[in-house]
PDB file of all heavy atoms in Angstrom:
ATOM      1  N   ARG A   1       3.298  -4.954  -6.790  1.00  0.00           N
ATOM      2  CA  ARG A   1       4.047  -6.164  -6.598  1.00  0.00           C
ATOM      3  C   ARG A   1       4.826  -6.055  -5.249  1.00  0.00           C
ATOM      4  O   ARG A   1       4.936  -6.988  -4.587  1.00  0.00           O
ATOM      5  CB  ARG A   1       5.054  -6.308  -7.762  1.00  0.00           C
ATOM      6  CG  ARG A   1       5.857  -7.644  -7.729  1.00  0.00           C
ATOM      7  CD  ARG A   1       6.814  -7.697  -8.917  1.00  0.00           C
ATOM      8  NE  ARG A   1       8.007  -8.065  -8.333  1.00  0.00           N
ATOM      9  CZ  ARG A   1       9.181  -7.829  -8.997  1.00  0.00           C
ATOM     10  NH1 ARG A   1       9.146  -7.220 -10.088  1.00  0.00           N
ATOM     11  NH2 ARG A   1      10.339  -8.125  -8.491  1.00  0.00           N
ATOM     12  N   ASP A   2       5.348  -4.827  -4.904  1.00  0.00           N
ATOM     13  CA  ASP A   2       5.979  -4.668  -3.625  1.00  0.00           C
ATOM     14  C   ASP A   2       5.267  -5.013  -2.433  1.00  0.00           C
ATOM     15  O   ASP A   2       5.639  -5.482  -1.415  1.00  0.00           O
ATOM     16  CB  ASP A   2       6.620  -3.225  -3.575  1.00  0.00           C
ATOM     17  CG  ASP A   2       7.698  -2.972  -4.627  1.00  0.00           C
ATOM     18  OD1 ASP A   2       8.298  -3.815  -5.031  1.00  0.00           O
ATOM     19  OD2 ASP A   2       7.760  -1.732  -4.962  1.00  0.00           O
ATOM     20  N   ILE A   3       3.832  -4.608  -2.506  1.00  0.00           N
ATOM     21  CA  ILE A   3       3.056  -4.708  -1.355  1.00  0.00           C
ATOM     22  C   ILE A   3       2.326  -5.970  -1.165  1.00  0.00           C
ATOM     23  O   ILE A   3       1.681  -6.350  -0.199  1.00  0.00           O
ATOM     24  CB  ILE A   3       2.050  -3.551  -1.171  1.00  0.00           C
ATOM     25  CG1 ILE A   3       0.906  -3.604  -2.203  1.00  0.00           C
ATOM     26  CG2 ILE A   3       2.741  -2.238  -1.192  1.00  0.00           C
ATOM     27  CD1 ILE A   3      -0.395  -2.915  -1.735  1.00  0.00           C
ATOM     28  N   GLU A   4       2.323  -6.761  -2.316  1.00  0.00           N
ATOM     29  CA  GLU A   4       1.631  -8.125  -2.353  1.00  0.00           C
ATOM     30  C   GLU A   4       1.802  -8.973  -1.122  1.00  0.00           C
ATOM     31  O   GLU A   4       0.816  -9.367  -0.545  1.00  0.00           O
ATOM     32  CB  GLU A   4       1.920  -8.840  -3.642  1.00  0.00           C
ATOM     33  CG  GLU A   4       0.954  -9.900  -3.922  1.00  0.00           C
ATOM     34  CD  GLU A   4      -0.519  -9.271  -3.912  1.00  0.00           C
ATOM     35  OE1 GLU A   4      -0.783  -8.300  -4.452  1.00  0.00           O
ATOM     36  OE2 GLU A   4      -1.452 -10.029  -3.346  1.00  0.00           O
ATOM     37  N   PRO A   5       2.978  -9.088  -0.431  1.00  0.00           N
ATOM     38  CA  PRO A   5       3.226  -9.898   0.701  1.00  0.00           C
ATOM     39  C   PRO A   5       2.429  -9.307   1.897  1.00  0.00           C
ATOM     40  O   PRO A   5       2.221 -10.026   2.854  1.00  0.00           O
ATOM     41  CB  PRO A   5       4.739  -9.887   0.892  1.00  0.00           C
ATOM     42  CG  PRO A   5       5.371  -9.566  -0.418  1.00  0.00           C
ATOM     43  CD  PRO A   5       4.362  -8.635  -1.025  1.00  0.00           C
ATOM     44  N   VAL A   6       2.207  -8.008   2.014  1.00  0.00           N
ATOM     45  CA  VAL A   6       1.594  -7.409   3.171  1.00  0.00           C
ATOM     46  C   VAL A   6       0.059  -6.894   2.792  1.00  0.00           C
ATOM     47  O   VAL A   6      -0.430  -6.193   3.688  1.00  0.00           O
ATOM     48  CB  VAL A   6       2.507  -6.355   3.791  1.00  0.00           C
ATOM     49  CG1 VAL A   6       3.743  -6.908   4.245  1.00  0.00           C
ATOM     50  CG2 VAL A   6       2.731  -5.221   2.699  1.00  0.00           C
ATOM     51  N   ARG A   7      -0.350  -6.986   1.589  1.00  0.00           N
ATOM     52  CA  ARG A   7      -1.550  -6.542   1.273  1.00  0.00           C
ATOM     53  C   ARG A   7      -2.700  -6.932   2.247  1.00  0.00           C
ATOM     54  O   ARG A   7      -3.565  -6.119   2.650  1.00  0.00           O
ATOM     55  CB  ARG A   7      -1.996  -6.965  -0.189  1.00  0.00           C
ATOM     56  CG  ARG A   7      -3.359  -6.400  -0.634  1.00  0.00           C
ATOM     57  CD  ARG A   7      -3.784  -6.744  -1.925  1.00  0.00           C
ATOM     58  NE  ARG A   7      -3.331  -5.688  -2.990  1.00  0.00           N
ATOM     59  CZ  ARG A   7      -3.789  -4.505  -3.021  1.00  0.00           C
ATOM     60  NH1 ARG A   7      -4.833  -4.129  -2.285  1.00  0.00           N
ATOM     61  NH2 ARG A   7      -3.387  -3.630  -3.928  1.00  0.00           N
ATOM     62  N   ALA A   8      -2.808  -8.221   2.706  1.00  0.00           N
ATOM     63  CA  ALA A   8      -3.793  -8.621   3.489  1.00  0.00           C
ATOM     64  C   ALA A   8      -3.726  -7.931   4.835  1.00  0.00           C
ATOM     65  O   ALA A   8      -4.802  -7.609   5.451  1.00  0.00           O
ATOM     66  CB  ALA A   8      -3.710 -10.154   3.758  1.00  0.00           C
ATOM     67  N   VAL A   9      -2.529  -7.546   5.287  1.00  0.00           N
ATOM     68  CA  VAL A   9      -2.431  -6.855   6.631  1.00  0.00           C
ATOM     69  C   VAL A   9      -2.965  -5.406   6.472  1.00  0.00           C
ATOM     70  O   VAL A   9      -3.655  -4.950   7.318  1.00  0.00           O
ATOM     71  CB  VAL A   9      -0.910  -6.793   7.117  1.00  0.00           C
ATOM     72  CG1 VAL A   9      -0.665  -5.963   8.316  1.00  0.00           C
ATOM     73  CG2 VAL A   9      -0.417  -8.307   7.357  1.00  0.00           C
ATOM     74  N   LEU A  10      -2.564  -4.799   5.341  1.00  0.00           N
ATOM     75  CA  LEU A  10      -3.011  -3.356   4.990  1.00  0.00           C
ATOM     76  C   LEU A  10      -4.570  -3.362   4.947  1.00  0.00           C
ATOM     77  O   LEU A  10      -5.135  -2.495   5.545  1.00  0.00           O
ATOM     78  CB  LEU A  10      -2.391  -2.863   3.759  1.00  0.00           C
ATOM     79  CG  LEU A  10      -0.950  -2.583   3.776  1.00  0.00           C
ATOM     80  CD1 LEU A  10      -0.460  -2.239   2.377  1.00  0.00           C
ATOM     81  CD2 LEU A  10      -0.555  -1.515   4.838  1.00  0.00           C
ATOM     82  N   GLU A  11      -5.123  -4.325   4.369  1.00  0.00           N
ATOM     83  CA  GLU A  11      -6.633  -4.368   4.284  1.00  0.00           C
ATOM     84  C   GLU A  11      -7.318  -4.620   5.535  1.00  0.00           C
ATOM     85  O   GLU A  11      -8.467  -4.368   5.559  1.00  0.00           O
ATOM     86  CB  GLU A  11      -6.985  -5.286   3.093  1.00  0.00           C
ATOM     87  CG  GLU A  11      -6.469  -4.961   1.778  1.00  0.00           C
ATOM     88  CD  GLU A  11      -6.864  -6.045   0.666  1.00  0.00           C
ATOM     89  OE1 GLU A  11      -7.013  -7.156   1.039  1.00  0.00           O
ATOM     90  OE2 GLU A  11      -6.795  -5.651  -0.413  1.00  0.00           O
ATOM     91  N   THR A  12      -6.671  -4.983   6.615  1.00  0.00           N
ATOM     92  CA  THR A  12      -7.308  -5.019   7.922  1.00  0.00           C
ATOM     93  C   THR A  12      -7.678  -3.766   8.478  1.00  0.00           C
ATOM     94  O   THR A  12      -8.576  -3.662   9.291  1.00  0.00           O
ATOM     95  CB  THR A  12      -6.435  -5.897   8.846  1.00  0.00           C
ATOM     96  OG1 THR A  12      -5.309  -5.179   9.270  1.00  0.00           O
ATOM     97  CG2 THR A  12      -6.149  -7.278   8.426  1.00  0.00           C
ATOM     98  N   PHE A  13      -7.005  -2.643   8.147  1.00  0.00           N
ATOM     99  CA  PHE A  13      -7.196  -1.406   8.654  1.00  0.00           C
ATOM    100  C   PHE A  13      -7.486  -0.275   7.729  1.00  0.00           C
ATOM    101  O   PHE A  13      -7.683   0.846   7.971  1.00  0.00           O
ATOM    102  CB  PHE A  13      -6.184  -0.945   9.694  1.00  0.00           C
ATOM    103  CG  PHE A  13      -4.865  -0.872   9.070  1.00  0.00           C
ATOM    104  CD1 PHE A  13      -4.398   0.290   8.575  1.00  0.00           C
ATOM    105  CD2 PHE A  13      -3.955  -1.834   9.129  1.00  0.00           C
ATOM    106  CE1 PHE A  13      -3.069   0.387   7.989  1.00  0.00           C
ATOM    107  CE2 PHE A  13      -2.667  -1.870   8.545  1.00  0.00           C
ATOM    108  CZ  PHE A  13      -2.247  -0.689   8.000  1.00  0.00           C
ATOM    109  N   THR A  14      -7.505  -0.617   6.381  1.00  0.00           N
ATOM    110  CA  THR A  14      -7.790   0.327   5.293  1.00  0.00           C
ATOM    111  C   THR A  14      -8.826   0.030   4.486  1.00  0.00           C
ATOM    112  O   THR A  14      -9.170  -1.224   4.302  1.00  0.00           O
ATOM    113  CB  THR A  14      -6.531   0.450   4.467  1.00  0.00           C
ATOM    114  OG1 THR A  14      -6.300  -0.748   3.699  1.00  0.00           O
ATOM    115  CG2 THR A  14      -5.276   0.910   5.173  1.00  0.00           C
ATOM    116  N   SER A  15      -9.413   1.021   3.769  1.00  0.00           N
ATOM    117  CA  SER A  15     -10.505   0.733   2.715  1.00  0.00           C
ATOM    118  C   SER A  15      -9.929   1.110   1.424  1.00  0.00           C
ATOM    119  O   SER A  15     -10.602   0.859   0.450  1.00  0.00           O
ATOM    120  CB  SER A  15     -11.751   1.497   3.104  1.00  0.00           C
ATOM    121  OG  SER A  15     -11.611   2.834   3.119  1.00  0.00           O
ATOM    122  N   LYS A  16      -8.807   1.823   1.361  1.00  0.00           N
ATOM    123  CA  LYS A  16      -8.308   2.348   0.166  1.00  0.00           C
ATOM    124  C   LYS A  16      -6.733   2.363   0.260  1.00  0.00           C
ATOM    125  O   LYS A  16      -6.165   2.698   1.300  1.00  0.00           O
ATOM    126  CB  LYS A  16      -8.743   3.796   0.007  1.00  0.00           C
ATOM    127  CG  LYS A  16      -8.554   4.348  -1.433  1.00  0.00           C
ATOM    128  CD  LYS A  16      -9.136   5.740  -1.519  1.00  0.00           C
ATOM    129  CE  LYS A  16     -10.617   5.822  -1.184  1.00  0.00           C
ATOM    130  NZ  LYS A  16     -11.159   7.150  -1.329  1.00  0.00           N
ATOM    131  N   ILE A  17      -6.167   1.834  -0.811  1.00  0.00           N
ATOM    132  CA  ILE A  17      -4.754   1.930  -0.769  1.00  0.00           C
ATOM    133  C   ILE A  17      -4.221   2.599  -2.040  1.00  0.00           C
ATOM    134  O   ILE A  17      -4.537   2.232  -3.197  1.00  0.00           O
ATOM    135  CB  ILE A  17      -4.021   0.367  -0.890  1.00  0.00           C
ATOM    136  CG1 ILE A  17      -4.542  -0.382   0.350  1.00  0.00           C
ATOM    137  CG2 ILE A  17      -2.481   0.421  -0.934  1.00  0.00           C
ATOM    138  CD1 ILE A  17      -4.187  -1.842   0.281  1.00  0.00           C
ATOM    139  N   LEU A  18      -3.509   3.768  -1.762  1.00  0.00           N
ATOM    140  CA  LEU A  18      -2.963   4.508  -2.974  1.00  0.00           C
ATOM    141  C   LEU A  18      -1.430   4.046  -3.102  1.00  0.00           C
ATOM    142  O   LEU A  18      -0.768   4.039  -2.171  1.00  0.00           O
ATOM    143  CB  LEU A  18      -2.926   6.026  -2.664  1.00  0.00           C
ATOM    144  CG  LEU A  18      -4.353   6.528  -2.210  1.00  0.00           C
ATOM    145  CD1 LEU A  18      -4.305   8.011  -1.989  1.00  0.00           C
ATOM    146  CD2 LEU A  18      -5.265   6.431  -3.391  1.00  0.00           C
ATOM    147  N   LEU A  19      -1.153   3.746  -4.339  1.00  0.00           N
ATOM    148  CA  LEU A  19       0.251   3.152  -4.665  1.00  0.00           C
ATOM    149  C   LEU A  19       0.929   4.061  -5.622  1.00  0.00           C
ATOM    150  O   LEU A  19       0.388   4.854  -6.313  1.00  0.00           O
ATOM    151  CB  LEU A  19       0.052   1.828  -5.288  1.00  0.00           C
ATOM    152  CG  LEU A  19      -0.586   0.674  -4.357  1.00  0.00           C
ATOM    153  CD1 LEU A  19      -0.737  -0.525  -5.356  1.00  0.00           C
ATOM    154  CD2 LEU A  19       0.448   0.317  -3.380  1.00  0.00           C
ATOM    155  N   GLY A  20       2.286   3.957  -5.531  1.00  0.00           N
ATOM    156  CA  GLY A  20       3.155   4.637  -6.500  1.00  0.00           C
ATOM    157  C   GLY A  20       4.586   4.211  -6.178  1.00  0.00           C
ATOM    158  O   GLY A  20       4.796   3.563  -5.129  1.00  0.00           O
ATOM    159  N   GLY A  21       5.509   4.539  -6.850  1.00  0.00           N
ATOM    160  CA  GLY A  21       6.922   4.099  -6.646  1.00  0.00           C
ATOM    161  C   GLY A  21       7.414   4.823  -5.448  1.00  0.00           C
ATOM    162  O   GLY A  21       6.780   5.639  -4.728  1.00  0.00           O
ATOM    163  N   ALA A  22       8.793   4.629  -5.273  1.00  0.00           N
ATOM    164  CA  ALA A  22       9.376   5.187  -4.191  1.00  0.00           C
ATOM    165  C   ALA A  22       9.340   6.769  -4.227  1.00  0.00           C
ATOM    166  O   ALA A  22       9.406   7.411  -5.291  1.00  0.00           O
ATOM    167  CB  ALA A  22      11.013   4.923  -4.235  1.00  0.00           C
ATOM    168  N   GLY A  23       8.938   7.362  -3.010  1.00  0.00           N
ATOM    169  CA  GLY A  23       8.760   8.791  -2.805  1.00  0.00           C
ATOM    170  C   GLY A  23       7.347   9.271  -3.218  1.00  0.00           C
ATOM    171  O   GLY A  23       6.861  10.293  -2.825  1.00  0.00           O
ATOM    172  N   LYS A  24       6.555   8.378  -3.949  1.00  0.00           N
ATOM    173  CA  LYS A  24       5.069   8.824  -4.230  1.00  0.00           C
ATOM    174  C   LYS A  24       4.242   8.924  -3.094  1.00  0.00           C
ATOM    175  O   LYS A  24       3.396   9.713  -3.042  1.00  0.00           O
ATOM    176  CB  LYS A  24       4.587   7.815  -5.387  1.00  0.00           C
ATOM    177  CG  LYS A  24       5.384   7.838  -6.624  1.00  0.00           C
ATOM    178  CD  LYS A  24       5.337   9.014  -7.439  1.00  0.00           C
ATOM    179  CE  LYS A  24       6.078   8.723  -8.705  1.00  0.00           C
ATOM    180  NZ  LYS A  24       6.199   9.973  -9.522  1.00  0.00           N
ATOM    181  N   GLY A  25       4.410   7.993  -2.064  1.00  0.00           N
ATOM    182  CA  GLY A  25       3.635   8.058  -0.845  1.00  0.00           C
ATOM    183  C   GLY A  25       3.822   9.428  -0.153  1.00  0.00           C
ATOM    184  O   GLY A  25       2.876  10.061   0.249  1.00  0.00           O
ATOM    185  N   GLN A  26       5.134   9.835  -0.127  1.00  0.00           N
ATOM    186  CA  GLN A  26       5.340  11.133   0.516  1.00  0.00           C
ATOM    187  C   GLN A  26       4.676  12.340  -0.142  1.00  0.00           C
ATOM    188  O   GLN A  26       4.164  13.216   0.397  1.00  0.00           O
ATOM    189  CB  GLN A  26       6.892  11.375   0.684  1.00  0.00           C
ATOM    190  CG  GLN A  26       7.563  10.370   1.636  1.00  0.00           C
ATOM    191  CD  GLN A  26       8.905  10.561   1.651  1.00  0.00           C
ATOM    192  OE1 GLN A  26       9.676  10.563   0.628  1.00  0.00           O
ATOM    193  NE2 GLN A  26       9.646  10.849   2.892  1.00  0.00           N
ATOM    194  N   ALA A  27       4.768  12.306  -1.465  1.00  0.00           N
ATOM    195  CA  ALA A  27       4.202  13.412  -2.248  1.00  0.00           C
ATOM    196  C   ALA A  27       2.651  13.399  -2.146  1.00  0.00           C
ATOM    197  O   ALA A  27       2.108  14.436  -2.076  1.00  0.00           O
ATOM    198  CB  ALA A  27       4.634  13.188  -3.722  1.00  0.00           C
TER     199      ALA A  27
END
C-alpha cells in the first residue's frame, strides 16, 4: 500500500520488488 503511488516509477528500473515493513529493506 505504501509504494502504490510510486510503483510505476520503481518498475521503470526494476524487475523485482522486495517488500516489508519499516526496517525490512535494510535487513
